[in-house]
Protein backbone atom coordinates (compact mmCIF):
# COMPACT_ATOMS: atom_id res chain seq x y z
CA MET A 1 -103.77 -47.28 15.26
CA ARG A 2 -105.19 -49.91 12.96
CA THR A 3 -102.23 -52.24 13.62
CA ALA A 4 -102.74 -51.70 17.47
CA THR A 5 -106.30 -52.24 17.25
CA GLN A 6 -105.68 -55.47 15.76
CA VAL A 7 -102.99 -56.81 18.19
CA ILE A 8 -104.83 -55.77 21.33
CA ARG A 9 -108.02 -57.15 19.67
CA ILE A 10 -106.26 -60.80 19.44
CA ILE A 11 -104.70 -60.49 22.91
CA VAL A 12 -107.75 -59.84 24.55
CA GLY A 13 -109.80 -62.19 22.59
CA TRP A 14 -107.67 -64.91 23.19
CA LEU A 15 -107.25 -64.22 27.08
CA PHE A 16 -111.01 -64.42 27.59
CA VAL A 17 -111.06 -67.58 25.64
CA LEU A 18 -108.15 -69.01 27.64
CA SER A 19 -109.63 -67.82 31.05
CA GLY A 20 -113.08 -69.15 29.83
CA LEU A 21 -112.00 -72.54 28.71
CA LEU A 22 -109.54 -73.04 31.61
CA LYS A 23 -112.80 -72.49 33.92
CA ALA A 24 -115.01 -74.72 31.71
CA ASN A 25 -112.48 -77.74 32.65
CA ASP A 26 -114.09 -77.55 36.18
CA PRO A 27 -117.04 -75.16 36.46
CA LEU A 28 -117.98 -76.84 39.76
CA GLY A 29 -114.77 -75.38 40.97
CA LEU A 30 -115.46 -71.83 39.85
CA GLY A 31 -119.18 -72.31 41.69
CA TYR A 32 -117.14 -73.37 44.90
CA LYS A 33 -115.19 -69.99 44.57
CA MET A 34 -118.29 -68.03 43.84
CA GLN A 35 -119.73 -69.34 47.12
CA GLU A 36 -116.76 -68.38 48.98
CA PHE A 37 -116.90 -64.94 47.73
CA PHE A 38 -120.91 -64.87 48.64
CA ASP A 39 -119.97 -66.36 52.26
CA VAL A 40 -117.23 -63.68 53.01
CA TRP A 41 -119.78 -61.00 51.78
CA HIS A 42 -122.29 -62.27 53.93
CA ASN A 43 -120.35 -62.54 56.95
CA SER A 44 -118.97 -59.33 56.74
CA LEU A 45 -122.19 -57.59 56.51
CA SER A 46 -123.44 -59.39 59.63
CA THR A 47 -121.02 -57.19 61.70
CA SER A 48 -121.98 -54.23 59.74
CA SER A 49 -123.95 -51.31 60.28
CA PHE A 50 -124.78 -50.83 56.33
CA PHE A 51 -128.61 -49.83 56.32
CA ALA A 52 -129.37 -52.46 53.51
CA LYS A 53 -127.24 -55.31 54.84
CA ASP A 54 -130.40 -57.68 55.57
CA ALA A 55 -131.60 -57.32 51.96
CA LEU A 56 -127.72 -57.88 50.61
CA MET A 57 -127.24 -60.60 53.22
CA SER A 58 -130.66 -62.22 51.93
CA MET A 59 -129.29 -61.84 48.15
CA PHE A 60 -125.75 -63.47 48.86
CA HIS A 61 -127.60 -66.10 50.43
CA TYR A 62 -129.96 -66.77 47.79
CA LEU A 63 -127.19 -66.71 45.07
CA ASN A 64 -124.98 -69.31 47.25
CA GLY A 65 -127.87 -71.71 46.15
CA TYR A 66 -127.39 -71.15 42.19
CA ALA A 67 -123.42 -70.65 42.25
CA LEU A 68 -122.83 -73.31 39.96
CA ALA A 69 -125.61 -72.09 37.41
CA LEU A 70 -124.10 -68.72 37.71
CA ALA A 71 -120.42 -70.20 37.02
CA VAL A 72 -121.47 -71.93 33.59
CA ILE A 73 -123.34 -68.48 32.69
CA MET A 74 -120.23 -66.79 33.48
CA ILE A 75 -117.75 -69.12 31.72
CA THR A 76 -120.09 -69.43 28.61
CA LEU A 77 -120.39 -65.51 28.09
CA GLU A 78 -116.59 -65.43 28.51
CA ILE A 79 -115.77 -67.58 25.61
CA LEU A 80 -118.59 -66.15 23.53
CA ALA A 81 -117.43 -62.79 23.96
CA GLY A 82 -113.69 -63.72 23.24
CA VAL A 83 -114.63 -65.52 19.95
CA ALA A 84 -117.10 -62.84 19.08
CA LEU A 85 -114.04 -60.30 19.24
CA LEU A 86 -111.59 -62.42 17.49
CA ILE A 87 -114.27 -62.94 14.48
CA GLY A 88 -115.54 -59.24 14.91
CA TRP A 89 -119.23 -60.35 15.50
CA ARG A 90 -121.36 -57.46 16.55
CA LYS A 91 -118.27 -55.65 17.70
CA LYS A 92 -119.86 -52.61 19.55
CA PHE A 93 -122.34 -55.10 21.81
CA VAL A 94 -119.25 -57.48 22.51
CA LEU A 95 -117.23 -54.90 23.45
CA SER A 96 -119.70 -53.32 25.85
CA LEU A 97 -120.32 -56.81 27.22
CA LEU A 98 -116.42 -57.30 27.67
CA LEU A 99 -116.47 -54.02 29.28
CA ILE A 100 -119.25 -54.93 32.02
CA LEU A 101 -117.36 -58.29 32.77
CA ILE A 102 -113.89 -56.80 33.00
CA LEU A 103 -115.52 -54.39 35.48
CA PHE A 104 -116.53 -56.99 37.37
CA PHE A 105 -113.75 -59.22 37.33
CA THR A 106 -111.84 -56.15 38.46
CA PHE A 107 -114.16 -55.61 41.32
CA LEU A 108 -113.75 -58.98 42.52
CA THR A 109 -110.37 -59.18 42.33
CA ALA A 110 -109.47 -55.85 43.88
CA TYR A 111 -111.73 -57.24 46.80
CA ALA A 112 -110.07 -60.44 46.76
CA TYR A 113 -106.66 -58.65 47.05
CA GLY A 114 -107.79 -56.00 49.32
CA SER A 115 -109.49 -58.30 51.65
CA GLY A 116 -106.61 -60.80 52.04
CA LYS A 117 -108.80 -63.69 52.41
CA PHE A 118 -108.07 -65.31 49.04
CA LYS A 119 -105.25 -67.07 48.04
CA ASN A 120 -106.32 -67.56 44.65
CA CYS A 121 -109.13 -65.80 42.83
CA GLY A 122 -109.87 -68.58 40.59
CA CYS A 123 -109.64 -66.37 37.30
CA PHE A 124 -107.89 -69.09 35.34
CA GLY A 125 -109.16 -72.04 37.33
CA ASP A 126 -107.14 -74.46 39.29
CA CYS A 127 -105.05 -75.36 36.47
CA LEU A 128 -103.34 -72.08 36.33
CA PRO A 129 -103.57 -70.21 39.40
CA ILE A 130 -102.64 -66.78 40.22
CA SER A 131 -102.37 -64.72 43.46
CA PRO A 132 -105.18 -61.88 43.42
CA LEU A 133 -102.52 -59.13 43.30
CA THR A 134 -101.43 -60.74 39.83
CA SER A 135 -104.81 -61.15 38.70
CA LEU A 136 -105.78 -57.54 39.56
CA VAL A 137 -102.71 -56.12 37.72
CA LYS A 138 -104.15 -58.49 34.71
CA ASP A 139 -107.52 -57.02 35.06
CA ILE A 140 -106.32 -53.34 35.07
CA ILE A 141 -104.27 -54.03 31.88
CA LEU A 142 -107.21 -55.76 30.10
CA LEU A 143 -109.67 -52.89 30.99
CA ALA A 144 -107.15 -50.61 29.60
CA MET A 145 -107.14 -52.42 26.50
CA ILE A 146 -111.06 -53.00 26.13
CA LEU A 147 -111.64 -49.20 26.65
CA PHE A 148 -108.82 -48.56 23.94
CA LEU A 149 -110.93 -50.85 21.67
CA LEU A 150 -114.08 -49.14 22.30
CA PHE A 151 -112.57 -45.93 20.95
CA THR A 152 -110.72 -47.69 17.93
CA HIS A 153 -113.64 -50.44 17.02
CA ARG A 154 -114.27 -48.62 13.47
CA PHE A 155 -110.87 -50.53 12.75
CA ILE A 156 -112.29 -54.18 13.89
CA GLN A 157 -113.33 -55.70 10.52
CA PRO A 158 -115.58 -58.69 10.55
CA TRP A 159 -114.08 -61.97 9.82
CA ARG A 160 -115.78 -63.62 6.61
CA SER A 161 -119.52 -63.20 6.12
CA VAL A 162 -122.08 -62.74 8.94
CA ARG A 163 -124.02 -66.41 8.16
CA MET A 164 -120.12 -67.79 8.86
CA GLN A 165 -120.10 -65.67 11.80
CA ASN A 166 -123.43 -66.88 13.10
CA PHE A 167 -122.61 -70.49 12.49
CA ILE A 168 -119.16 -70.12 14.27
CA MET A 169 -121.16 -68.34 17.86
CA LEU A 170 -123.69 -71.27 17.34
CA VAL A 171 -120.86 -73.91 17.35
CA THR A 172 -119.02 -72.06 20.02
CA LEU A 173 -122.04 -72.24 22.44
CA VAL A 174 -122.81 -75.82 21.68
CA VAL A 175 -119.25 -76.91 22.44
CA THR A 176 -118.87 -74.51 25.37
CA LEU A 177 -121.94 -76.09 27.19
CA ALA A 178 -121.03 -79.79 26.10
CA LEU A 179 -117.56 -79.36 27.59
CA GLN A 180 -119.41 -78.34 30.90
CA TRP A 181 -121.98 -80.92 30.84
CA TYR A 182 -119.22 -83.43 30.28
CA VAL A 183 -116.78 -82.40 33.25
CA LEU A 184 -119.87 -82.13 35.08
CA ASN A 185 -120.73 -85.72 34.90
CA PHE A 186 -117.59 -87.42 33.64
CA LEU A 187 -114.77 -85.54 36.03
CA PRO A 188 -112.45 -82.55 34.45
CA VAL A 189 -110.62 -83.53 31.52
CA ALA A 190 -107.35 -82.11 33.03
CA ASP A 191 -107.45 -82.77 36.60
CA CYS A 192 -105.30 -80.30 38.19
CA LEU A 193 -106.15 -80.60 42.01
CA PRO A 194 -104.11 -82.52 44.59
CA PHE A 195 -106.37 -85.74 44.12
CA LYS A 196 -105.33 -86.77 40.53
CA VAL A 197 -104.04 -90.17 39.48
CA ASP A 198 -100.25 -90.81 40.52
CA ASN A 199 -100.44 -88.56 43.17
CA HIS A 200 -99.31 -90.24 46.60
CA ILE A 201 -101.82 -88.50 49.41
CA PRO A 202 -99.45 -88.70 52.29
CA GLU A 203 -96.79 -86.91 50.27
CA GLN A 204 -99.59 -84.14 49.20
CA MET A 205 -100.09 -83.98 53.07
CA LYS A 206 -96.97 -82.52 53.50
CA PRO A 207 -95.65 -78.60 53.11
CA PRO A 208 -94.00 -78.59 49.39
CA LYS A 209 -90.08 -78.97 49.63
CA GLY A 210 -88.39 -75.67 49.86
CA SER A 211 -91.29 -73.89 51.25
CA VAL A 212 -91.43 -71.30 53.95
CA PRO A 213 -93.60 -71.27 57.02
CA ASP A 214 -95.48 -68.33 58.23
CA SER A 215 -93.23 -66.03 60.27
CA ILE A 216 -95.11 -65.38 63.56
CA ALA A 217 -94.02 -63.20 66.63
CA MET A 218 -95.46 -63.95 69.89
CA ARG A 219 -96.48 -60.60 72.04
CA PHE A 220 -97.66 -61.03 75.87
CA ILE A 221 -100.16 -58.23 76.91
CA TYR A 222 -100.01 -56.90 80.57
CA GLU A 223 -101.53 -54.46 82.50
CA LYS A 224 -99.91 -51.88 85.12
CA ASP A 225 -101.82 -48.82 86.53
CA GLY A 226 -104.55 -48.96 84.25
CA LYS A 227 -102.50 -48.70 81.25
CA ARG A 228 -102.06 -52.06 79.01
CA TYR A 229 -98.38 -52.96 77.52
CA GLU A 230 -97.55 -55.37 75.08
CA PHE A 231 -93.96 -57.12 75.27
CA ALA A 232 -91.97 -59.51 73.04
CA PRO A 233 -90.67 -62.69 74.97
CA GLU A 234 -87.01 -61.09 75.04
CA GLU A 235 -88.62 -57.50 76.20
CA LEU A 236 -90.19 -58.65 79.27
CA PRO A 237 -89.59 -56.14 82.24
CA ASN A 238 -87.36 -57.42 85.26
CA ASP A 239 -90.31 -56.04 87.39
CA LEU A 240 -92.73 -58.45 85.70
CA ALA A 241 -94.61 -59.20 88.89
CA SER A 242 -96.03 -56.01 89.37
CA TYR A 243 -97.89 -56.28 86.01
CA LYS A 244 -101.31 -58.43 85.31
CA TYR A 245 -101.00 -60.68 82.52
CA ILE A 246 -103.70 -60.22 80.14
CA ASP A 247 -103.50 -62.32 76.94
CA ARG A 248 -100.80 -63.73 74.58
CA ILE A 249 -101.32 -62.85 70.86
CA ASP A 250 -99.32 -64.31 67.59
CA LYS A 251 -98.76 -61.79 65.28
CA LEU A 252 -98.35 -62.70 61.42
CA ILE A 253 -94.88 -60.89 60.62
CA ARG A 254 -94.64 -63.04 57.20
CA LYS A 255 -96.85 -65.08 55.23
CA GLY A 256 -95.29 -68.25 54.03
CA ASN A 257 -95.76 -70.97 51.45
CA ALA A 258 -96.05 -73.72 53.30
CA ASP A 259 -99.35 -75.01 53.00
CA ALA A 260 -99.97 -78.34 52.16
CA PRO A 261 -101.85 -79.19 49.19
CA ILE A 262 -103.92 -81.52 50.86
CA LYS A 263 -105.41 -80.26 54.25
CA GLY A 264 -107.97 -82.34 56.49
CA PHE A 265 -107.78 -85.41 55.08
CA ALA A 266 -109.04 -87.54 57.91
CA LEU A 267 -110.85 -90.91 57.58
CA ILE A 268 -112.61 -90.92 61.17
CA GLY A 269 -114.73 -94.36 62.07
CA ALA A 270 -117.76 -94.42 64.13
CA SER A 271 -116.37 -95.00 67.30
CA GLY A 272 -114.16 -91.81 66.42
CA THR A 273 -111.00 -93.84 65.46
CA ASP A 274 -108.40 -92.17 63.19
CA SER A 275 -108.10 -94.75 60.13
CA THR A 276 -106.39 -92.52 58.01
CA GLU A 277 -102.66 -94.04 58.22
CA ALA A 278 -103.81 -97.57 58.21
CA ILE A 279 -106.03 -97.07 55.02
CA LEU A 280 -103.39 -95.49 53.42
CA GLN A 281 -100.89 -98.28 53.95
CA LEU A 282 -103.24 -101.01 52.18
CA PRO A 283 -101.88 -102.40 48.99
CA ASP A 284 -105.57 -101.85 47.50
CA ALA A 285 -108.14 -100.07 48.84
CA VAL A 286 -111.49 -98.06 47.01
CA LEU A 287 -112.78 -94.96 48.50
CA VAL A 288 -116.17 -94.04 47.54
CA PHE A 289 -116.58 -90.03 48.30
CA ILE A 290 -120.37 -88.86 49.00
CA LYS A 291 -121.18 -85.51 48.86
CA ASP A 292 -125.35 -85.47 49.02
CA PHE A 293 -127.99 -87.74 47.79
CA ASN A 294 -129.60 -85.95 45.33
CA ASN A 295 -128.87 -88.27 42.48
CA ALA A 296 -128.63 -91.42 44.78
CA ALA A 297 -130.89 -93.54 42.31
CA GLU A 298 -128.35 -93.07 39.51
CA TRP A 299 -125.48 -94.79 41.31
CA ILE A 300 -126.74 -96.81 44.26
CA HIS A 301 -127.10 -99.86 41.88
CA ASP A 302 -123.87 -99.62 40.22
CA LEU A 303 -122.03 -98.78 43.44
CA ARG A 304 -123.67 -102.77 44.45
CA SER A 305 -122.13 -104.10 41.42
CA MET A 306 -118.84 -102.24 42.49
CA LYS A 307 -118.87 -103.67 45.96
CA ARG A 308 -119.47 -107.32 44.76
CA ALA A 309 -116.34 -107.16 42.33
CA ALA A 310 -114.41 -105.83 45.19
CA ASP A 311 -115.17 -108.54 47.52
CA ARG A 312 -114.60 -111.07 44.76
CA VAL A 313 -110.73 -109.73 44.44
CA GLU A 314 -110.94 -109.01 48.17
CA VAL A 315 -110.13 -105.33 47.70
CA PRO A 316 -111.44 -103.27 50.68
CA LEU A 317 -114.51 -100.59 49.89
CA TYR A 318 -115.47 -97.53 51.78
CA ALA A 319 -117.91 -95.01 51.81
CA VAL A 320 -116.54 -91.30 52.87
CA THR A 321 -118.68 -88.75 53.65
CA ASN A 322 -119.37 -85.93 55.91
CA GLN A 323 -123.17 -87.07 56.38
CA VAL A 324 -122.27 -90.47 58.01
CA ASP A 325 -125.79 -91.15 59.55
CA LYS A 326 -127.63 -90.16 56.34
CA VAL A 327 -125.13 -92.43 54.31
CA LYS A 328 -125.33 -95.42 56.64
CA ALA A 329 -129.56 -95.10 56.13
CA LEU A 330 -128.92 -95.07 52.90
CA LEU A 331 -126.86 -98.30 52.52
CA GLU A 332 -128.97 -99.84 55.08
CA LYS A 333 -132.22 -99.34 52.96
CA GLN A 334 -130.15 -100.88 50.02
CA ASN A 335 -128.65 -103.88 51.91
CA LEU A 336 -125.01 -102.54 51.80
CA THR A 337 -124.54 -102.28 55.54
CA HIS A 338 -121.11 -104.23 54.97
CA ILE A 339 -119.74 -101.15 53.63
CA PRO A 340 -118.07 -98.93 56.47
CA VAL A 341 -118.67 -95.63 56.44
CA PHE A 342 -115.92 -92.87 57.42
CA ALA A 343 -116.66 -89.08 58.41
CA MET A 344 -114.36 -86.60 56.49
CA ASP A 345 -114.35 -82.59 56.35
CA PHE A 346 -116.64 -81.65 53.80
CA THR A 347 -114.26 -79.11 52.19
CA VAL A 348 -111.79 -82.05 51.29
CA ILE A 349 -114.77 -84.32 49.80
CA LYS A 350 -115.89 -81.26 47.51
CA THR A 351 -112.15 -81.16 46.47
CA VAL A 352 -111.90 -84.87 45.70
CA ALA A 353 -115.33 -85.15 44.50
CA ARG A 354 -115.93 -83.12 41.31
CA THR A 355 -119.28 -85.46 40.32
CA ASN A 356 -120.96 -86.89 42.95
CA PRO A 357 -120.19 -89.52 44.11
CA THR A 358 -116.71 -89.75 43.16
CA VAL A 359 -114.37 -92.88 43.16
CA ILE A 360 -110.67 -93.20 43.73
CA ARG A 361 -108.59 -96.61 44.12
CA ILE A 362 -105.44 -96.26 45.98
CA ASN A 363 -102.31 -98.48 46.45
CA GLN A 364 -100.40 -97.59 49.42
CA GLY A 365 -101.81 -93.96 49.44
CA THR A 366 -101.27 -93.39 45.89
CA ILE A 367 -104.27 -92.77 43.70
CA VAL A 368 -104.17 -95.45 40.73
CA ASP A 369 -107.61 -94.71 39.36
CA LYS A 370 -110.25 -92.09 39.75
CA VAL A 371 -113.93 -91.99 38.18
CA GLY A 372 -117.16 -90.07 38.21
CA TYR A 373 -120.28 -91.87 39.24
CA ARG A 374 -121.14 -92.24 35.31
CA ASP A 375 -118.24 -94.21 35.20
CA PHE A 376 -118.38 -96.63 38.33
CA ASP A 377 -118.71 -100.02 35.48
CA GLU A 378 -115.20 -98.96 34.40
CA LEU A 379 -113.78 -99.44 37.60
CA THR A 380 -115.98 -102.53 38.29
CA VAL A 381 -114.50 -104.26 35.42
CA LYS A 382 -110.99 -103.26 36.59
CA LEU A 383 -111.89 -105.14 39.75
CA LYS A 384 -113.08 -108.41 38.45
């Protein structure tokens, strides 16, 4: 029993640390995943007759605005709890915390799997994507392990003195928060998204090689003598003229895996022209992805310097946003009206811009450089 307890303790502890570190590499990504859950729950409640739906919808709407803060707290708790279990720090309290966390995670993954609305639950971040079913199985096993540890916690012996344990926990807290602050300001340490350096955007817009498309079955709905009938194309009756056409539906028979890593990447100009292909063919270009303007004072002057450097070496620089009018107004106020502004879907911009703004430099569609707004000067120097 003692040996089993030690083995399970190490497995559970390291799994929580690993899960937390992978998400700490991109807490904004976890925040987006939380917002996705909140939106799904909000929309599901809007069509339900649940007596407390208004209160819950208000709560999910409120939590949506604090998704990033919740993500940071969740990641920090995961890593701290994992380290605490490994060193035996306050084992009863930590095991109770781990039980609460794993029950919460199991609920989320069960919902993600049961609803069919999520391809990746975000449990290990974007660097180690796993399906909701795999994650649910993992959480159930972890739940069983944690329950086992709760019954055998007497065999968990503290590592080193209490003072040393407290020091390790303090260092873990500081390092965890510092890592998350860094990646939120300077981009993730490991970029596991499709817009990472060396990726060829046009290639990422295609389905993966060897992938299988969705299998769709076409069905026609007809009505005759007050009854409705559903026919496949090859099953249409000979006396079809005596039926009244109602509708055509496409049924998903088998889900494929032919989704392209990058979807919705389209650069739309002021006139509504799609300039995506033309820009992706340029030998050198700089794209500035802007999500909002809350921190514009921190980067607008660096953007001006970058634009001057780009003009000197004749490299075109473009702004990309889903709020074209506001960006144009901002640039006009800063006498930067000579920067063309393109519209793009906000979901794509969020994937590119893990800091606001984020800049990528492309060579015929291949990303050769990528920096967050605090490193604008790095790209400016390279352009000179």
